[in-house]
Amino acid sequence: MDLIDEKQIAIEDEDGNRHLMEILFTYEHPERKKKYVFIYEKDSPEDIMAFEYNDDGELLEIESDEEYEEVEEVFNAFMEEHPE
């Protein structure tokens, strides 16, 4: 993941193609000391993807069901506060 600015990142897919993604928001879980980012492609704002990321900017898949459920709750709360 290459941070372009505070609202955009570039990611590379498995075929080596770079995609410019919009950052919806980020959050940090203080107890787990993990950071998460919610991103989407400008042409598909309804397709939100969530990833964990580390200090090196590497995107990591969310693997545990517990973490995924928590991330989904955070996303739903965000959407309730920002319905546009």
PDB file of N, CA and C in Angstrom:
ATOM      1  N   MET A   1       0.851  -1.159   0.000  1.00  0.00           N
ATOM      2  CA  MET A   1       0.000   0.000   0.000  1.00  0.00           C
ATOM      3  C   MET A   1       0.900   1.226   0.000  1.00  0.00           C
ATOM      4  N   ASP A   2       0.634   2.121  -0.933  1.00  0.00           N
ATOM      5  CA  ASP A   2       1.356   3.383  -0.993  1.00  0.00           C
ATOM      6  C   ASP A   2       0.390   4.503  -0.655  1.00  0.00           C
ATOM      7  N   LEU A   3       0.667   5.211   0.423  1.00  0.00           N
ATOM      8  CA  LEU A   3      -0.185   6.332   0.808  1.00  0.00           C
ATOM      9  C   LEU A   3       0.065   7.480  -0.161  1.00  0.00           C
ATOM     10  N   ILE A   4      -0.985   7.911  -0.854  1.00  0.00           N
ATOM     11  CA  ILE A   4      -0.891   9.033  -1.782  1.00  0.00           C
ATOM     12  C   ILE A   4      -1.086  10.330  -1.005  1.00  0.00           C
ATOM     13  N   ASP A   5      -2.162  10.395  -0.249  1.00  0.00           N
ATOM     14  CA  ASP A   5      -2.421  11.486   0.677  1.00  0.00           C
ATOM     15  C   ASP A   5      -3.339  10.922   1.755  1.00  0.00           C
ATOM     16  N   GLU A   6      -3.905  11.752   2.606  1.00  0.00           N
ATOM     17  CA  GLU A   6      -4.702  11.221   3.711  1.00  0.00           C
ATOM     18  C   GLU A   6      -6.028  10.623   3.272  1.00  0.00           C
ATOM     19  N   LYS A   7      -6.389  10.777   1.999  1.00  0.00           N
ATOM     20  CA  LYS A   7      -7.658  10.248   1.498  1.00  0.00           C
ATOM     21  C   LYS A   7      -7.496   9.190   0.409  1.00  0.00           C
ATOM     22  N   GLN A   8      -6.277   8.919  -0.042  1.00  0.00           N
ATOM     23  CA  GLN A   8      -6.082   7.956  -1.122  1.00  0.00           C
ATOM     24  C   GLN A   8      -4.838   7.104  -0.891  1.00  0.00           C
ATOM     25  N   ILE A   9      -4.949   5.857  -1.339  1.00  0.00           N
ATOM     26  CA  ILE A   9      -3.806   4.952  -1.339  1.00  0.00           C
ATOM     27  C   ILE A   9      -3.793   4.215  -2.673  1.00  0.00           C
ATOM     28  N   ALA A  10      -2.643   3.710  -3.026  1.00  0.00           N
ATOM     29  CA  ALA A  10      -2.516   2.852  -4.204  1.00  0.00           C
ATOM     30  C   ALA A  10      -2.194   1.451  -3.701  1.00  0.00           C
ATOM     31  N   ILE A  11      -2.940   0.473  -4.201  1.00  0.00           N
ATOM     32  CA  ILE A  11      -2.670  -0.912  -3.840  1.00  0.00           C
ATOM     33  C   ILE A  11      -2.397  -1.696  -5.107  1.00  0.00           C
ATOM     34  N   GLU A  12      -1.697  -2.787  -4.934  1.00  0.00           N
ATOM     35  CA  GLU A  12      -1.354  -3.651  -6.060  1.00  0.00           C
ATOM     36  C   GLU A  12      -2.117  -4.956  -5.916  1.00  0.00           C
ATOM     37  N   ASP A  13      -2.771  -5.396  -7.008  1.00  0.00           N
ATOM     38  CA  ASP A  13      -3.495  -6.664  -6.947  1.00  0.00           C
ATOM     39  C   ASP A  13      -2.535  -7.822  -7.222  1.00  0.00           C
ATOM     40  N   GLU A  14      -3.075  -9.040  -7.219  1.00  0.00           N
ATOM     41  CA  GLU A  14      -2.241 -10.234  -7.395  1.00  0.00           C
ATOM     42  C   GLU A  14      -1.589 -10.318  -8.771  1.00  0.00           C
ATOM     43  N   ASP A  15      -2.111  -9.560  -9.744  1.00  0.00           N
ATOM     44  CA  ASP A  15      -1.534  -9.537 -11.085  1.00  0.00           C
ATOM     45  C   ASP A  15      -0.516  -8.414 -11.271  1.00  0.00           C
ATOM     46  N   GLY A  16      -0.271  -7.653 -10.207  1.00  0.00           N
ATOM     47  CA  GLY A  16       0.698  -6.564 -10.281  1.00  0.00           C
ATOM     48  C   GLY A  16       0.113  -5.252 -10.774  1.00  0.00           C
ATOM     49  N   ASN A  17      -1.205  -5.181 -10.936  1.00  0.00           N
ATOM     50  CA  ASN A  17      -1.851  -3.938 -11.369  1.00  0.00           C
ATOM     51  C   ASN A  17      -2.091  -3.036 -10.170  1.00  0.00           C
ATOM     52  N   ARG A  18      -1.786  -1.737 -10.331  1.00  0.00           N
ATOM     53  CA  ARG A  18      -2.000  -0.771  -9.249  1.00  0.00           C
ATOM     54  C   ARG A  18      -3.394  -0.159  -9.372  1.00  0.00           C
ATOM     55  N   HIS A  19      -4.043   0.003  -8.222  1.00  0.00           N
ATOM     56  CA  HIS A  19      -5.379   0.587  -8.160  1.00  0.00           C
ATOM     57  C   HIS A  19      -5.354   1.739  -7.169  1.00  0.00           C
ATOM     58  N   LEU A  20      -5.891   2.873  -7.583  1.00  0.00           N
ATOM     59  CA  LEU A  20      -6.019   4.013  -6.691  1.00  0.00           C
ATOM     60  C   LEU A  20      -7.311   3.836  -5.896  1.00  0.00           C
ATOM     61  N   MET A  21      -7.191   3.804  -4.587  1.00  0.00           N
ATOM     62  CA  MET A  21      -8.328   3.567  -3.708  1.00  0.00           C
ATOM     63  C   MET A  21      -8.565   4.798  -2.833  1.00  0.00           C
ATOM     64  N   GLU A  22      -9.825   5.037  -2.544  1.00  0.00           N
ATOM     65  CA  GLU A  22     -10.217   6.117  -1.647  1.00  0.00           C
ATOM     66  C   GLU A  22     -10.277   5.552  -0.225  1.00  0.00           C
ATOM     67  N   ILE A  23      -9.812   6.319   0.748  1.00  0.00           N
ATOM     68  CA  ILE A  23      -9.886   5.912   2.148  1.00  0.00           C
ATOM     69  C   ILE A  23     -11.176   6.482   2.725  1.00  0.00           C
ATOM     70  N   LEU A  24     -12.055   5.600   3.166  1.00  0.00           N
ATOM     71  CA  LEU A  24     -13.286   6.043   3.805  1.00  0.00           C
ATOM     72  C   LEU A  24     -12.974   6.520   5.227  1.00  0.00           C
ATOM     73  N   PHE A  25     -12.326   5.653   6.016  1.00  0.00           N
ATOM     74  CA  PHE A  25     -11.850   6.032   7.346  1.00  0.00           C
ATOM     75  C   PHE A  25     -10.923   4.954   7.881  1.00  0.00           C
ATOM     76  N   THR A  26     -10.222   5.286   8.942  1.00  0.00           N
ATOM     77  CA  THR A  26      -9.352   4.341   9.637  1.00  0.00           C
ATOM     78  C   THR A  26      -9.745   4.332  11.111  1.00  0.00           C
ATOM     79  N   TYR A  27      -9.390   3.273  11.782  1.00  0.00           N
ATOM     80  CA  TYR A  27      -9.549   3.260  13.237  1.00  0.00           C
ATOM     81  C   TYR A  27      -8.532   2.303  13.848  1.00  0.00           C
ATOM     82  N   GLU A  28      -8.271   2.535  15.125  1.00  0.00           N
ATOM     83  CA  GLU A  28      -7.309   1.723  15.851  1.00  0.00           C
ATOM     84  C   GLU A  28      -8.006   1.083  17.046  1.00  0.00           C
ATOM     85  N   HIS A  29      -7.741  -0.200  17.242  1.00  0.00           N
ATOM     86  CA  HIS A  29      -8.266  -0.915  18.402  1.00  0.00           C
ATOM     87  C   HIS A  29      -7.212  -0.804  19.501  1.00  0.00           C
ATOM     88  N   PRO A  30      -7.493  -0.050  20.572  1.00  0.00           N
ATOM     89  CA  PRO A  30      -6.457   0.215  21.578  1.00  0.00           C
ATOM     90  C   PRO A  30      -5.985  -1.010  22.353  1.00  0.00           C
ATOM     91  N   GLU A  31      -6.874  -1.967  22.589  1.00  0.00           N
ATOM     92  CA  GLU A  31      -6.472  -3.145  23.358  1.00  0.00           C
ATOM     93  C   GLU A  31      -5.642  -4.111  22.519  1.00  0.00           C
ATOM     94  N   ARG A  32      -6.048  -4.323  21.282  1.00  0.00           N
ATOM     95  CA  ARG A  32      -5.307  -5.227  20.386  1.00  0.00           C
ATOM     96  C   ARG A  32      -4.083  -4.544  19.774  1.00  0.00           C
ATOM     97  N   LYS A  33      -4.092  -3.215  19.813  1.00  0.00           N
ATOM     98  CA  LYS A  33      -3.024  -2.418  19.193  1.00  0.00           C
ATOM     99  C   LYS A  33      -2.920  -2.741  17.702  1.00  0.00           C
ATOM    100  N   LYS A  34      -4.102  -2.795  17.067  1.00  0.00           N
ATOM    101  CA  LYS A  34      -4.175  -3.040  15.627  1.00  0.00           C
ATOM    102  C   LYS A  34      -4.879  -1.864  14.976  1.00  0.00           C
ATOM    103  N   LYS A  35      -4.501  -1.608  13.725  1.00  0.00           N
ATOM    104  CA  LYS A  35      -5.089  -0.516  12.957  1.00  0.00           C
ATOM    105  C   LYS A  35      -5.823  -1.097  11.750  1.00  0.00           C
ATOM    106  N   TYR A  36      -6.935  -0.440  11.401  1.00  0.00           N
ATOM    107  CA  TYR A  36      -7.764  -0.898  10.298  1.00  0.00           C
ATOM    108  C   TYR A  36      -8.060   0.261   9.361  1.00  0.00           C
ATOM    109  N   VAL A  37      -8.220  -0.067   8.085  1.00  0.00           N
ATOM    110  CA  VAL A  37      -8.560   0.934   7.081  1.00  0.00           C
ATOM    111  C   VAL A  37      -9.723   0.406   6.247  1.00  0.00           C
ATOM    112  N   PHE A  38     -10.632   1.307   5.918  1.00  0.00           N
ATOM    113  CA  PHE A  38     -11.786   0.996   5.065  1.00  0.00           C
ATOM    114  C   PHE A  38     -11.584   1.745   3.762  1.00  0.00           C
ATOM    115  N   ILE A  39     -11.555   1.011   2.642  1.00  0.00           N
ATOM    116  CA  ILE A  39     -11.239   1.613   1.348  1.00  0.00           C
ATOM    117  C   ILE A  39     -12.255   1.192   0.289  1.00  0.00           C
ATOM    118  N   TYR A  40     -12.265   1.964  -0.803  1.00  0.00           N
ATOM    119  CA  TYR A  40     -13.137   1.639  -1.935  1.00  0.00           C
ATOM    120  C   TYR A  40     -12.562   2.281  -3.192  1.00  0.00           C
ATOM    121  N   GLU A  41     -12.965   1.752  -4.338  1.00  0.00           N
ATOM    122  CA  GLU A  41     -12.593   2.360  -5.611  1.00  0.00           C
ATOM    123  C   GLU A  41     -13.570   3.482  -5.917  1.00  0.00           C
ATOM    124  N   LYS A  42     -13.067   4.561  -6.465  1.00  0.00           N
ATOM    125  CA  LYS A  42     -13.898   5.729  -6.733  1.00  0.00           C
ATOM    126  C   LYS A  42     -15.115   5.374  -7.593  1.00  0.00           C
ATOM    127  N   ASP A  43     -14.944   4.465  -8.532  1.00  0.00           N
ATOM    128  CA  ASP A  43     -16.034   4.065  -9.422  1.00  0.00           C
ATOM    129  C   ASP A  43     -17.021   3.097  -8.768  1.00  0.00           C
ATOM    130  N   SER A  44     -16.672   2.556  -7.604  1.00  0.00           N
ATOM    131  CA  SER A  44     -17.535   1.586  -6.906  1.00  0.00           C
ATOM    132  C   SER A  44     -17.605   1.904  -5.416  1.00  0.00           C
ATOM    133  N   PRO A  45     -18.166   3.061  -5.057  1.00  0.00           N
ATOM    134  CA  PRO A  45     -18.169   3.445  -3.633  1.00  0.00           C
ATOM    135  C   PRO A  45     -19.008   2.534  -2.742  1.00  0.00           C
ATOM    136  N   GLU A  46     -19.855   1.709  -3.342  1.00  0.00           N
ATOM    137  CA  GLU A  46     -20.665   0.798  -2.541  1.00  0.00           C
ATOM    138  C   GLU A  46     -19.894  -0.459  -2.131  1.00  0.00           C
ATOM    139  N   ASP A  47     -18.749  -0.710  -2.750  1.00  0.00           N
ATOM    140  CA  ASP A  47     -17.940  -1.895  -2.455  1.00  0.00           C
ATOM    141  C   ASP A  47     -16.811  -1.543  -1.491  1.00  0.00           C
ATOM    142  N   ILE A  48     -17.137  -1.483  -0.219  1.00  0.00           N
ATOM    143  CA  ILE A  48     -16.165  -1.125   0.817  1.00  0.00           C
ATOM    144  C   ILE A  48     -15.386  -2.368   1.224  1.00  0.00           C
ATOM    145  N   MET A  49     -14.077  -2.221   1.325  1.00  0.00           N
ATOM    146  CA  MET A  49     -13.209  -3.303   1.785  1.00  0.00           C
ATOM    147  C   MET A  49     -12.519  -2.849   3.062  1.00  0.00           C
ATOM    148  N   ALA A  50     -12.334  -3.764   3.984  1.00  0.00           N
ATOM    149  CA  ALA A  50     -11.647  -3.461   5.236  1.00  0.00           C
ATOM    150  C   ALA A  50     -10.411  -4.335   5.354  1.00  0.00           C
ATOM    151  N   PHE A  51      -9.339  -3.714   5.827  1.00  0.00           N
ATOM    152  CA  PHE A  51      -8.080  -4.423   6.037  1.00  0.00           C
ATOM    153  C   PHE A  51      -7.459  -3.960   7.340  1.00  0.00           C
ATOM    154  N   GLU A  52      -6.690  -4.832   7.933  1.00  0.00           N
ATOM    155  CA  GLU A  52      -5.777  -4.423   8.993  1.00  0.00           C
ATOM    156  C   GLU A  52      -4.551  -3.873   8.279  1.00  0.00           C
ATOM    157  N   TYR A  53      -3.858  -2.925   8.884  1.00  0.00           N
ATOM    158  CA  TYR A  53      -2.593  -2.478   8.303  1.00  0.00           C
ATOM    159  C   TYR A  53      -1.576  -2.283   9.406  1.00  0.00           C
ATOM    160  N   ASN A  54      -0.305  -2.448   9.039  1.00  0.00           N
ATOM    161  CA  ASN A  54       0.757  -2.305  10.024  1.00  0.00           C
ATOM    162  C   ASN A  54       1.512  -0.991   9.812  1.00  0.00           C
ATOM    163  N   ASP A  55       2.508  -0.745  10.638  1.00  0.00           N
ATOM    164  CA  ASP A  55       3.252   0.514  10.578  1.00  0.00           C
ATOM    165  C   ASP A  55       4.026   0.693   9.275  1.00  0.00           C
ATOM    166  N   ASP A  56       4.276  -0.402   8.564  1.00  0.00           N
ATOM    167  CA  ASP A  56       4.964  -0.321   7.276  1.00  0.00           C
ATOM    168  C   ASP A  56       4.000  -0.048   6.125  1.00  0.00           C
ATOM    169  N   GLY A  57       2.695   0.057   6.438  1.00  0.00           N
ATOM    170  CA  GLY A  57       1.690   0.308   5.411  1.00  0.00           C
ATOM    171  C   GLY A  57       1.225  -0.937   4.691  1.00  0.00           C
ATOM    172  N   GLU A  58       1.613  -2.101   5.189  1.00  0.00           N
ATOM    173  CA  GLU A  58       1.201  -3.361   4.565  1.00  0.00           C
ATOM    174  C   GLU A  58      -0.242  -3.674   4.936  1.00  0.00           C
ATOM    175  N   LEU A  59      -1.071  -3.979   3.931  1.00  0.00           N
ATOM    176  CA  LEU A  59      -2.451  -4.379   4.183  1.00  0.00           C
ATOM    177  C   LEU A  59      -2.494  -5.868   4.501  1.00  0.00           C
ATOM    178  N   LEU A  60      -3.253  -6.212   5.530  1.00  0.00           N
ATOM    179  CA  LEU A  60      -3.363  -7.595   5.972  1.00  0.00           C
ATOM    180  C   LEU A  60      -4.828  -7.990   5.992  1.00  0.00           C
ATOM    181  N   GLU A  61      -5.120  -9.203   5.569  1.00  0.00           N
ATOM    182  CA  GLU A  61      -6.489  -9.715   5.608  1.00  0.00           C
ATOM    183  C   GLU A  61      -6.936  -9.844   7.066  1.00  0.00           C
ATOM    184  N   ILE A  62      -8.198  -9.583   7.312  1.00  0.00           N
ATOM    185  CA  ILE A  62      -8.778  -9.810   8.632  1.00  0.00           C
ATOM    186  C   ILE A  62      -9.187 -11.268   8.672  1.00  0.00           C
ATOM    187  N   GLU A  63      -8.554 -12.036   9.550  1.00  0.00           N
ATOM    188  CA  GLU A  63      -8.730 -13.480   9.504  1.00  0.00           C
ATOM    189  C   GLU A  63      -9.663 -14.054  10.557  1.00  0.00           C
ATOM    190  N   SER A  64      -9.706 -13.467  11.736  1.00  0.00           N
ATOM    191  CA  SER A  64     -10.544 -14.086  12.774  1.00  0.00           C
ATOM    192  C   SER A  64     -11.979 -13.586  12.665  1.00  0.00           C
ATOM    193  N   ASP A  65     -12.912 -14.466  12.976  1.00  0.00           N
ATOM    194  CA  ASP A  65     -14.327 -14.104  12.948  1.00  0.00           C
ATOM    195  C   ASP A  65     -14.623 -12.991  13.945  1.00  0.00           C
ATOM    196  N   GLU A  66     -14.003 -13.062  15.111  1.00  0.00           N
ATOM    197  CA  GLU A  66     -14.214 -12.041  16.142  1.00  0.00           C
ATOM    198  C   GLU A  66     -13.787 -10.658  15.638  1.00  0.00           C
ATOM    199  N   GLU A  67     -12.618 -10.585  15.037  1.00  0.00           N
ATOM    200  CA  GLU A  67     -12.141  -9.314  14.487  1.00  0.00           C
ATOM    201  C   GLU A  67     -13.046  -8.820  13.365  1.00  0.00           C
ATOM    202  N   TYR A  68     -13.458  -9.717  12.483  1.00  0.00           N
ATOM    203  CA  TYR A  68     -14.310  -9.330  11.368  1.00  0.00           C
ATOM    204  C   TYR A  68     -15.644  -8.777  11.873  1.00  0.00           C
ATOM    205  N   GLU A  69     -16.229  -9.437  12.872  1.00  0.00           N
ATOM    206  CA  GLU A  69     -17.493  -8.961  13.433  1.00  0.00           C
ATOM    207  C   GLU A  69     -17.325  -7.575  14.056  1.00  0.00           C
ATOM    208  N   GLU A  70     -16.219  -7.366  14.751  1.00  0.00           N
ATOM    209  CA  GLU A  70     -15.959  -6.063  15.359  1.00  0.00           C
ATOM    210  C   GLU A  70     -15.794  -4.986  14.292  1.00  0.00           C
ATOM    211  N   VAL A  71     -15.045  -5.291  13.247  1.00  0.00           N
ATOM    212  CA  VAL A  71     -14.833  -4.335  12.159  1.00  0.00           C
ATOM    213  C   VAL A  71     -16.170  -4.005  11.491  1.00  0.00           C
ATOM    214  N   GLU A  72     -17.015  -5.002  11.332  1.00  0.00           N
ATOM    215  CA  GLU A  72     -18.333  -4.782  10.744  1.00  0.00           C
ATOM    216  C   GLU A  72     -19.182  -3.863  11.634  1.00  0.00           C
ATOM    217  N   GLU A  73     -19.110  -4.054  12.952  1.00  0.00           N
ATOM    218  CA  GLU A  73     -19.837  -3.187  13.883  1.00  0.00           C
ATOM    219  C   GLU A  73     -19.338  -1.744  13.796  1.00  0.00           C
ATOM    220  N   VAL A  74     -18.025  -1.570  13.722  1.00  0.00           N
ATOM    221  CA  VAL A  74     -17.445  -0.231  13.602  1.00  0.00           C
ATOM    222  C   VAL A  74     -17.912   0.414  12.303  1.00  0.00           C
ATOM    223  N   PHE A  75     -17.895  -0.341  11.215  1.00  0.00           N
ATOM    224  CA  PHE A  75     -18.348   0.175   9.934  1.00  0.00           C
ATOM    225  C   PHE A  75     -19.822   0.589   9.999  1.00  0.00           C
ATOM    226  N   ASN A  76     -20.673  -0.256  10.575  1.00  0.00           N
ATOM    227  CA  ASN A  76     -22.093   0.053  10.674  1.00  0.00           C
ATOM    228  C   ASN A  76     -22.321   1.313  11.506  1.00  0.00           C
ATOM    229  N   ALA A  77     -21.597   1.471  12.591  1.00  0.00           N
ATOM    230  CA  ALA A  77     -21.713   2.672  13.424  1.00  0.00           C
ATOM    231  C   ALA A  77     -21.270   3.903  12.637  1.00  0.00           C
ATOM    232  N   PHE A  78     -20.198   3.785  11.875  1.00  0.00           N
ATOM    233  CA  PHE A  78     -19.726   4.889  11.049  1.00  0.00           C
ATOM    234  C   PHE A  78     -20.793   5.285  10.031  1.00  0.00           C
ATOM    235  N   MET A  79     -21.402   4.304   9.388  1.00  0.00           N
ATOM    236  CA  MET A  79     -22.406   4.585   8.376  1.00  0.00           C
ATOM    237  C   MET A  79     -23.671   5.233   8.968  1.00  0.00           C
ATOM    238  N   GLU A  80     -24.001   4.865  10.201  1.00  0.00           N
ATOM    239  CA  GLU A  80     -25.129   5.509  10.865  1.00  0.00           C
ATOM    240  C   GLU A  80     -24.842   6.986  11.133  1.00  0.00           C
ATOM    241  N   GLU A  81     -23.593   7.295  11.475  1.00  0.00           N
ATOM    242  CA  GLU A  81     -23.201   8.678  11.750  1.00  0.00           C
ATOM    243  C   GLU A  81     -22.985   9.484  10.472  1.00  0.00           C
ATOM    244  N   HIS A  82     -22.676   8.801   9.368  1.00  0.00           N
ATOM    245  CA  HIS A  82     -22.372   9.449   8.085  1.00  0.00           C
ATOM    246  C   HIS A  82     -23.213   8.805   6.974  1.00  0.00           C
ATOM    247  N   PRO A  83     -24.510   9.040   6.969  1.00  0.00           N
ATOM    248  CA  PRO A  83     -25.387   8.328   6.017  1.00  0.00           C
ATOM    249  C   PRO A  83     -25.223   8.708   4.560  1.00  0.00           C
ATOM    250  N   GLU A  84     -24.534   9.762   4.248  1.00  0.00           N
ATOM    251  CA  GLU A  84     -24.413  10.164   2.839  1.00  0.00           C
ATOM    252  C   GLU A  84     -23.552   9.193   2.153  1.00  0.00           C
TER     253      GLU A  84
END
